[in-house]
Protein backbone atom coordinates (compact mmCIF):
# COMPACT_ATOMS: atom_id res chain seq x y z
CA MET A 1 270.28 55.46 -103.40
CA LYS A 2 271.34 54.65 -99.88
CA PRO A 3 269.18 53.44 -97.01
CA PRO A 4 268.28 55.78 -94.14
CA ALA A 5 270.14 55.37 -90.86
CA PHE A 6 269.41 52.24 -88.84
CA SER A 7 270.85 50.33 -85.89
CA TYR A 8 272.68 47.12 -86.78
CA HIS A 9 272.58 44.02 -84.55
CA ARG A 10 274.52 40.77 -85.01
CA PRO A 11 273.31 37.98 -82.72
CA HIS A 12 275.12 34.64 -82.62
CA THR A 13 272.31 32.46 -81.26
CA VAL A 14 268.61 31.96 -81.82
CA ALA A 15 267.95 32.98 -78.21
CA GLU A 16 269.73 36.31 -78.75
CA THR A 17 267.73 36.88 -81.92
CA LEU A 18 264.41 36.21 -80.22
CA GLU A 19 265.34 38.60 -77.40
CA LEU A 20 266.11 41.34 -79.91
CA LEU A 21 262.88 40.72 -81.82
CA ALA A 22 260.89 40.90 -78.59
CA THR A 23 262.49 44.11 -77.31
CA LEU A 24 263.37 46.20 -80.37
CA GLU A 25 260.85 48.33 -82.20
CA ASP A 26 260.55 48.30 -85.98
CA ALA A 27 263.09 45.51 -86.57
CA LYS A 28 263.81 43.53 -89.73
CA LEU A 29 265.77 40.31 -90.01
CA LEU A 30 268.62 40.25 -92.53
CA ALA A 31 269.13 36.80 -94.09
CA GLY A 32 270.45 36.76 -97.66
CA GLY A 33 269.54 40.41 -98.17
CA GLN A 34 268.71 39.95 -101.86
CA SER A 35 265.28 41.52 -101.35
CA LEU A 36 265.65 43.55 -98.15
CA MET A 37 268.73 45.57 -99.12
CA PRO A 38 267.38 46.83 -102.49
CA MET A 39 264.10 47.74 -100.79
CA MET A 40 265.99 49.67 -98.13
CA ASN A 41 268.12 51.40 -100.74
CA PHE A 42 265.00 52.54 -102.57
CA ARG A 43 263.41 53.38 -99.20
CA TYR A 44 260.44 51.13 -99.76
CA VAL A 45 261.12 49.88 -96.23
CA MET A 46 262.91 51.88 -93.55
CA PRO A 47 263.44 49.73 -90.44
CA ALA A 48 264.90 51.35 -87.35
CA ASN A 49 266.75 48.12 -86.53
CA VAL A 50 268.34 45.45 -88.73
CA ILE A 51 269.12 42.08 -87.13
CA ASP A 52 271.73 40.12 -89.10
CA ILE A 53 271.23 36.37 -88.54
CA ASN A 54 273.92 35.17 -90.94
CA ARG A 55 276.19 33.95 -88.16
CA ILE A 56 273.70 31.56 -86.58
CA ALA A 57 274.89 28.19 -87.82
CA ASP A 58 271.98 26.31 -86.22
CA LEU A 59 269.56 27.86 -88.72
CA ALA A 60 271.13 26.23 -91.81
CA GLY A 61 271.30 22.65 -93.02
CA ILE A 62 269.65 19.93 -95.11
CA GLU A 63 268.66 16.61 -93.56
CA GLU A 64 266.65 13.65 -94.78
CA ARG A 65 264.41 12.39 -91.99
CA GLY A 66 262.58 9.28 -93.12
CA ASP A 67 259.78 10.41 -95.39
CA ALA A 68 260.51 14.12 -94.98
CA LEU A 69 263.22 16.66 -95.78
CA ALA A 70 264.19 19.12 -93.05
CA ILE A 71 265.76 22.38 -94.20
CA GLY A 72 267.08 25.18 -92.04
CA ALA A 73 265.65 28.57 -92.97
CA MET A 74 269.12 30.10 -93.48
CA THR A 75 270.14 27.46 -96.02
CA ARG A 76 271.38 29.20 -99.16
CA GLN A 77 269.42 28.62 -102.33
CA ARG A 78 272.60 27.62 -104.14
CA ASP A 79 273.34 24.97 -101.50
CA LEU A 80 269.85 23.55 -102.03
CA GLU A 81 270.33 23.60 -105.79
CA LEU A 82 273.60 21.65 -105.60
CA SER A 83 272.53 19.26 -102.84
CA PRO A 84 272.45 15.58 -103.94
CA VAL A 85 269.87 14.95 -101.22
CA VAL A 86 267.51 17.59 -102.64
CA GLN A 87 268.03 16.35 -106.19
CA ARG A 88 267.19 12.79 -105.14
CA CYS A 89 264.42 13.39 -102.62
CA CYS A 90 262.79 16.59 -103.84
CA PRO A 91 263.56 17.06 -107.56
CA LEU A 92 260.76 19.61 -108.01
CA LEU A 93 262.55 21.94 -105.60
CA HIS A 94 265.80 21.49 -107.51
CA GLU A 95 264.13 22.25 -110.84
CA ALA A 96 262.39 25.36 -109.52
CA LEU A 97 265.62 26.70 -108.03
CA LEU A 98 267.15 26.87 -111.51
CA ASN A 99 264.56 29.57 -112.24
CA VAL A 100 265.23 31.65 -109.11
CA GLY A 101 267.15 34.80 -110.06
CA HIS A 102 270.76 34.07 -111.03
CA VAL A 103 273.65 32.11 -109.54
CA GLN A 104 274.96 35.27 -107.90
CA THR A 105 271.70 35.91 -106.06
CA ARG A 106 271.20 32.23 -105.19
CA ASN A 107 274.64 32.24 -103.57
CA ARG A 108 273.29 34.65 -100.96
CA GLY A 109 269.53 34.17 -101.01
CA THR A 110 268.02 31.77 -98.47
CA ILE A 111 264.94 29.59 -98.56
CA GLY A 112 263.64 31.20 -95.38
CA GLY A 113 264.21 34.67 -96.76
CA SER A 114 262.13 33.88 -99.83
CA LEU A 115 259.31 32.50 -97.71
CA ALA A 116 259.33 35.38 -95.22
CA HIS A 117 259.52 38.02 -97.98
CA LEU A 118 256.70 36.22 -99.83
CA ASP A 119 256.91 38.01 -103.14
CA PRO A 120 253.81 37.11 -105.22
CA ALA A 121 256.08 35.91 -108.04
CA ALA A 122 258.46 33.81 -105.93
CA GLU A 123 258.99 30.22 -107.06
CA LEU A 124 259.81 28.53 -103.74
CA PRO A 125 256.50 29.25 -101.94
CA ALA A 126 254.60 27.56 -104.80
CA VAL A 127 256.85 24.49 -104.66
CA LEU A 128 256.41 24.17 -100.90
CA HIS A 129 252.65 24.69 -101.25
CA ALA A 130 252.48 21.79 -103.72
CA HIS A 131 254.50 19.68 -101.28
CA ASP A 132 252.25 20.54 -98.29
CA ALA A 133 255.28 21.77 -96.37
CA THR A 134 255.24 22.83 -92.72
CA LEU A 135 257.03 25.95 -91.52
CA HIS A 136 258.52 25.98 -88.02
CA LEU A 137 258.55 29.29 -86.16
CA ARG A 138 260.44 30.24 -83.02
CA GLY A 139 259.40 32.97 -80.62
CA ARG A 140 260.03 33.98 -77.04
CA ARG A 141 256.35 33.26 -76.34
CA GLY A 142 256.71 29.74 -77.76
CA ASP A 143 257.12 27.80 -80.99
CA ARG A 144 254.57 27.33 -83.76
CA ALA A 145 254.16 25.05 -86.77
CA VAL A 146 252.31 26.60 -89.73
CA ALA A 147 251.06 24.68 -92.75
CA MET A 148 252.14 26.21 -96.05
CA ALA A 149 248.45 26.49 -96.98
CA GLU A 150 248.06 28.97 -94.09
CA TRP A 151 251.27 30.91 -94.65
CA SER A 152 250.14 33.71 -96.96
CA GLN A 153 247.94 36.28 -95.24
CA GLY A 154 247.86 38.76 -98.13
CA PHE A 155 250.25 40.73 -100.29
CA MET A 156 253.80 40.08 -98.97
CA THR A 157 252.31 39.24 -95.57
CA PRO A 158 253.30 35.85 -94.13
CA ASN A 159 251.76 34.25 -91.06
CA LEU A 160 254.68 35.45 -88.99
CA ALA A 161 254.44 37.74 -85.96
CA PRO A 162 256.96 40.60 -85.57
CA ASP A 163 258.61 38.80 -82.66
CA GLU A 164 258.85 35.41 -84.41
CA LEU A 165 261.62 33.82 -86.45
CA LEU A 166 261.18 31.31 -89.28
CA ALA A 167 263.65 28.63 -88.22
CA ALA A 168 263.07 25.59 -90.45
CA ILE A 169 260.91 23.94 -93.08
CA THR A 170 259.75 20.32 -93.26
CA ILE A 171 258.86 18.97 -96.70
CA PRO A 172 256.93 15.67 -96.91
CA LEU A 173 258.50 13.55 -99.65
CA TRP A 174 256.65 11.91 -102.51
CA PRO A 175 257.31 8.24 -103.31
CA THR A 176 260.13 7.23 -105.61
CA GLY A 177 258.99 7.24 -109.22
CA HIS A 178 256.66 10.22 -109.04
CA GLY A 179 256.62 12.79 -111.82
CA TYR A 180 257.31 16.48 -111.37
CA GLY A 181 257.43 19.60 -113.48
CA PHE A 182 257.98 23.32 -113.06
CA ALA A 183 257.18 25.88 -115.76
CA GLU A 184 257.14 29.66 -115.61
CA PHE A 185 256.91 32.62 -117.95
CA THR A 186 259.31 35.54 -117.58
CA ARG A 187 260.37 38.29 -119.97
CA ARG A 188 264.00 37.27 -119.41
CA HIS A 189 265.60 34.44 -117.48
CA GLY A 190 265.96 35.47 -113.86
CA ASP A 191 263.13 38.03 -113.95
CA PHE A 192 260.11 37.72 -111.71
CA ALA A 193 257.59 35.22 -113.03
CA MET A 194 254.35 36.56 -114.48
CA ALA A 195 252.96 33.06 -114.01
CA GLY A 196 254.42 29.73 -113.00
CA THR A 197 253.22 26.28 -111.98
CA ALA A 198 254.68 23.54 -109.80
CA ALA A 199 253.30 20.06 -110.50
CA LEU A 200 253.62 16.70 -108.75
CA LEU A 201 252.09 13.54 -110.20
CA ALA A 202 251.99 9.88 -109.16
CA LEU A 203 250.45 7.13 -111.31
CA ASP A 204 249.03 3.78 -110.21
CA ALA A 205 249.73 0.41 -111.83
CA GLN A 206 247.07 1.11 -114.50
CA GLY A 207 248.65 4.42 -115.42
CA LYS A 208 245.91 6.49 -113.79
CA VAL A 209 246.48 9.47 -111.55
CA GLU A 210 246.82 8.23 -107.99
CA ARG A 211 247.95 11.52 -106.54
CA VAL A 212 248.47 15.03 -107.88
CA ALA A 213 249.42 18.46 -106.53
CA LEU A 214 249.42 21.75 -108.43
CA ALA A 215 250.35 25.22 -107.22
CA VAL A 216 250.79 28.46 -109.16
CA THR A 217 252.80 31.61 -108.51
CA GLY A 218 252.78 35.09 -109.98
CA VAL A 219 249.02 35.28 -110.54
CA ASP A 220 247.77 36.27 -107.09
CA THR A 221 249.07 37.85 -103.88
CA GLY A 222 250.48 34.48 -102.79
CA PRO A 223 250.85 30.93 -104.09
CA VAL A 224 247.56 29.27 -105.02
CA ARG A 225 246.78 25.57 -104.81
CA LEU A 226 244.70 24.37 -107.78
CA SER A 227 242.32 22.01 -105.99
CA ASP A 228 239.67 21.93 -108.75
CA ALA A 229 242.22 20.95 -111.38
CA GLU A 230 243.64 18.27 -109.07
CA ALA A 231 240.15 16.81 -108.58
CA MET A 232 239.65 16.61 -112.35
CA LEU A 233 242.78 14.50 -112.77
CA LEU A 234 242.44 12.07 -109.85
CA GLY A 235 241.60 8.50 -110.83
CA LYS A 236 241.87 9.14 -114.56
CA ALA A 237 244.43 8.49 -117.26
CA PRO A 238 246.31 11.79 -117.78
CA GLU A 239 245.77 12.08 -121.52
CA ASP A 240 246.41 15.30 -123.43
CA ALA A 241 242.78 16.39 -123.56
CA LEU A 242 242.29 15.92 -119.82
CA ILE A 243 245.49 17.80 -119.00
CA ALA A 244 244.43 20.68 -121.25
CA ALA A 245 240.99 20.80 -119.61
CA ALA A 246 242.49 20.72 -116.12
CA ALA A 247 244.85 23.56 -117.07
CA GLU A 248 241.94 25.69 -118.25
CA THR A 249 240.07 24.94 -115.02
CA ALA A 250 243.16 26.01 -113.11
CA ALA A 251 243.22 29.36 -114.87
CA ILE A 252 239.57 30.07 -114.16
CA SER A 253 239.97 29.28 -110.46
CA VAL A 254 242.76 31.82 -109.87
CA PRO A 255 241.60 35.25 -108.63
CA GLY A 256 244.26 37.04 -110.68
CA LEU A 257 246.51 40.01 -110.05
CA ASP A 258 246.63 43.27 -112.02
CA ASP A 259 249.84 45.28 -112.23
CA VAL A 260 251.94 47.25 -114.73
CA HIS A 261 253.26 44.01 -116.25
CA GLY A 262 249.94 42.46 -117.16
CA SER A 263 246.24 42.17 -116.48
CA LYS A 264 244.65 39.44 -114.40
CA GLU A 265 243.09 38.01 -117.57
CA TYR A 266 246.52 37.75 -119.21
CA ARG A 267 248.00 36.12 -116.13
CA ARG A 268 245.19 33.58 -116.06
CA LYS A 269 245.95 32.63 -119.67
CA LEU A 270 249.62 32.27 -118.79
CA ALA A 271 248.68 30.17 -115.76
CA ALA A 272 246.77 27.76 -118.02
CA VAL A 273 249.74 27.40 -120.37
CA MET A 274 252.26 26.95 -117.55
CA THR A 275 250.02 24.41 -115.80
CA LYS A 276 249.73 22.38 -119.00
CA ARG A 277 253.50 22.44 -119.53
CA ALA A 278 254.26 21.48 -115.93
CA LEU A 279 251.74 18.62 -116.04
CA LEU A 280 253.09 17.30 -119.34
CA ALA A 281 256.61 17.26 -117.88
CA ALA A 282 255.37 15.53 -114.73
CA ARG A 283 253.45 12.94 -116.77
CA ALA A 284 256.49 12.18 -118.94
CA ARG A 285 258.68 11.63 -115.90
CA ALA A 286 256.07 9.54 -114.10
CA ARG A 287 255.58 7.32 -117.17
CA SER A 288 259.32 7.03 -117.64
CA GLU A 289 259.77 5.88 -114.06
CA GLU A 290 256.84 3.50 -114.43
CA ALA A 291 258.38 1.96 -117.57
CA ALA A 292 261.79 1.68 -115.93
CA HIS A 293 260.38 -0.24 -112.98
CA GLY A 294 257.69 -2.15 -114.89
């Protein structure tokens, strides 16, 4: 199928983009286009105006800023995947990116596009939720900073006004030596996840959990932080039985999402399995780093 007729706009600056967003009716931003264009072709969305922001160089880039990583919203997923800075500073993001679609789609897809589209099964929102990221929005009425915990407002509905632009993301970095793990279940590699978990884990000198963050995707309308499971792990040695119990607690705490691919009960079971796998991977890496520096 082909999309219905629309007006095409190609701004070269953020200021031009914000002016178009403020004055045009029924406008959609075109970033990587890996989600928007298929939806337009199937006529799931039919914007009157499409604003192509691919030529705004200021919206892309990766920069380490002390204890945080700053990423421009138009940074391609493939660039993030191959970035030595991301691999060193934010290995969980690198690992999750290997599960995002295929190389061909990651060549065009952007981190900002994934966040603004906010598919319930998207990997990147869960990773950024675990990292307590901050999203930076630009608008003609002023700028805003939104915590990732406040980003999802419902099914494919981000905390983003029609006249605002997601410009950048700031990711607080975990200390060197932390463990991380990402696990998801898909019917085939590259498919949308039916359930997935992002895990971050830091151990103290006694091998007990000093800090932990868990977020799941694919099981609700947006990424879900597993606070109850995190509380179970804090201050304790992450042995197998405790990890299994925390994973089961995680599954119970998720509201769940029913669709043609699976029931909410099935997704909760998958969430428990993926949480256990992600935590085991994070524990192994944390213990390995601890042994290497012990």
